[in-house]
Amino acid sequence: MRLFVNPFAPRDRRPSPAETAGSHTEGDRQALRERVKQGVRKVLAPGEDAVISVSELACGEDGCPDVETVIGIHEAGAPARRLRLHMPLAAVGLADIAAAAEDARRTADKDRSA
């Protein structure tokens, strides 16, 4: 016999990024965001006019780490790109950005061929 799982039952609340940020001040978080933006420019080489946004968000999906970093890349005349890294902002490195970009490219290619 299978157990009934109530889909409307409350789930454990995940902490917000502010709660998990530890001792990072707003200035520290801004410096981390700038470091990641520079990493995106170095790894992906978007145009000079590209707008890059970096956010650290609480991930609400099952099986997802508590915090994820989302990078948005907006260039004139091109569709916006979004990279999701399942790690806190402080842990993001150049290799992580490159891997997330490759994953996003593969997913886009798969969607186009379907």
Foldseek 3Di string as FASTA:
>chain_A
DDDDDDPPDDDDDQDWCVVVVPPQDPVNVVVLQVVVVVLCCVQVVDDPPKDKDKDKGQDPDPPAPRIKIKIWIDDPPDDIDIFIGRDGSVPDDSVSSNVRVVVSVVVVVVVVVD
